[in-house]
């Protein structure tokens, strides 16, 4: 017997993660946009853009907290999460082979985790 797909008895499938991913993409985009404005403001008000000037953009503190490093880390984690959602959706939409899709998703995760670790190593060693 075929299942009814019309009206109130329609067949609904899926993981139901679309709304959460939509919201996550918007929130991460806002975080990245705000950080970009803050960074551009810092660049405009930095007297010299030499090594020490660039270092100061990422290592400034407020009340003893490394605010510059925390903001940069938040922005980069937002970038990684934003990228994961977008690339994962591309793999799910356009790669039909389940094995190849899983392989590409694992490679994407490894690449993003590696990028975050490399970023943290560089930023937090300043």
Protein backbone atom coordinates (compact mmCIF):
# COMPACT_ATOMS: atom_id res chain seq x y z
CA UNK A 1 0.00 0.00 0.00
CA UNK A 2 1.48 3.35 -1.08
CA UNK A 3 1.79 6.08 1.51
CA UNK A 4 -0.26 9.23 1.02
CA UNK A 5 1.87 12.30 0.23
CA UNK A 6 -0.83 14.94 -0.13
CA UNK A 7 -2.53 17.11 2.50
CA UNK A 8 -2.39 16.33 6.21
CA UNK A 9 -1.22 12.77 5.60
CA UNK A 10 1.85 13.70 3.59
CA UNK A 11 5.08 11.80 4.22
CA UNK A 12 7.60 13.99 6.02
CA UNK A 13 11.21 12.83 6.10
CA UNK A 14 14.54 14.34 7.03
CA UNK A 15 16.61 15.15 10.04
CA UNK A 16 14.73 18.41 10.77
CA UNK A 17 17.94 20.40 11.13
CA UNK A 18 17.14 23.03 8.51
CA UNK A 19 15.88 25.71 10.89
CA UNK A 20 18.79 25.36 13.30
CA UNK A 21 21.30 25.49 10.44
CA UNK A 22 19.55 28.54 8.96
CA UNK A 23 19.78 30.36 12.30
CA UNK A 24 23.40 29.23 12.84
CA UNK A 25 24.40 30.55 9.40
CA UNK A 26 22.82 33.93 10.15
CA UNK A 27 24.34 34.20 13.64
CA UNK A 28 27.82 33.24 12.44
CA UNK A 29 27.51 35.71 9.54
CA UNK A 30 26.60 38.49 11.99
CA UNK A 31 29.55 37.60 14.25
CA UNK A 32 31.92 37.69 11.27
CA UNK A 33 30.46 40.99 10.01
CA UNK A 34 30.79 42.66 13.43
CA UNK A 35 34.35 41.36 13.79
CA UNK A 36 35.20 42.67 10.32
CA UNK A 37 33.94 46.14 11.26
CA UNK A 38 35.92 46.05 14.53
CA UNK A 39 39.05 44.90 12.71
CA UNK A 40 38.67 47.59 10.03
CA UNK A 41 38.21 50.18 12.78
CA UNK A 42 41.37 48.94 14.43
CA UNK A 43 43.27 49.15 11.15
CA UNK A 44 42.05 52.71 10.53
CA UNK A 45 43.12 53.87 13.99
CA UNK A 46 46.46 52.07 14.06
CA UNK A 47 49.16 54.66 13.44
CA UNK A 48 51.61 52.25 11.77
CA UNK A 49 50.76 48.95 10.14
CA UNK A 50 54.03 47.23 10.84
CA UNK A 51 54.42 43.94 12.70
CA UNK A 52 53.79 45.50 16.11
CA UNK A 53 50.68 47.29 14.83
CA UNK A 54 49.22 44.06 13.42
CA UNK A 55 50.16 42.19 16.58
CA UNK A 56 48.40 44.84 18.65
CA UNK A 57 45.17 44.31 16.69
CA UNK A 58 45.03 40.71 17.91
CA UNK A 59 46.61 40.93 21.36
CA UNK A 60 44.96 43.90 23.05
CA UNK A 61 43.63 43.32 26.55
CA UNK A 62 40.87 44.79 28.67
CA UNK A 63 40.79 44.26 32.44
CA UNK A 64 43.49 41.63 32.06
CA UNK A 65 41.51 39.56 29.56
CA UNK A 66 43.01 38.87 26.11
CA UNK A 67 40.05 40.45 24.32
CA UNK A 68 41.75 40.65 20.94
CA UNK A 69 42.58 36.95 20.92
CA UNK A 70 39.14 35.98 22.23
CA UNK A 71 37.35 38.04 19.56
CA UNK A 72 39.57 36.65 16.79
CA UNK A 73 38.98 33.11 18.03
CA UNK A 74 35.22 33.65 18.16
CA UNK A 75 35.28 35.03 14.61
CA UNK A 76 37.38 32.14 13.30
CA UNK A 77 35.20 29.52 15.01
CA UNK A 78 32.19 31.25 13.47
CA UNK A 79 33.88 31.08 10.08
CA UNK A 80 34.60 27.35 10.49
CA UNK A 81 31.03 26.58 11.59
CA UNK A 82 29.60 28.72 8.78
CA UNK A 83 31.82 26.94 6.26
CA UNK A 84 30.90 23.50 7.61
CA UNK A 85 27.17 24.13 7.21
CA UNK A 86 27.59 25.49 3.68
CA UNK A 87 29.98 22.83 2.40
CA UNK A 88 28.03 20.01 4.05
CA UNK A 89 24.86 21.23 2.32
CA UNK A 90 26.70 21.27 -1.01
CA UNK A 91 27.86 17.67 -0.49
CA UNK A 92 24.35 16.58 0.52
CA UNK A 93 22.68 18.33 -2.43
CA UNK A 94 25.03 17.42 -5.25
CA UNK A 95 26.86 14.18 -4.36
CA UNK A 96 24.52 11.22 -4.83
CA UNK A 97 26.90 8.43 -3.81
CA UNK A 98 26.61 7.93 -0.06
CA UNK A 99 30.16 6.65 0.28
CA UNK A 100 31.68 9.54 -1.66
CA UNK A 101 29.52 12.04 0.26
CA UNK A 102 30.67 10.61 3.60
CA UNK A 103 34.30 10.68 2.42
CA UNK A 104 34.00 14.33 1.36
CA UNK A 105 32.29 15.28 4.62
CA UNK A 106 35.05 13.61 6.66
CA UNK A 107 37.71 15.41 4.59
CA UNK A 108 35.88 18.69 5.14
CA UNK A 109 35.74 18.11 8.90
CA UNK A 110 39.45 17.21 9.03
CA UNK A 111 40.35 20.28 6.98
CA UNK A 112 38.27 22.60 9.20
CA UNK A 113 39.57 21.10 12.45
CA UNK A 114 43.13 21.39 11.13
CA UNK A 115 42.52 25.02 10.18
CA UNK A 116 41.11 25.82 13.64
CA UNK A 117 44.04 24.11 15.40
CA UNK A 118 46.58 25.90 13.18
CA UNK A 119 44.81 29.23 13.76
CA UNK A 120 44.76 28.72 17.54
CA UNK A 121 48.43 27.71 17.57
CA UNK A 122 49.42 30.86 15.73
CA UNK A 123 47.11 33.33 17.47
CA UNK A 124 47.63 32.15 21.02
CA UNK A 125 51.43 32.00 20.66
CA UNK A 126 51.68 35.75 19.94
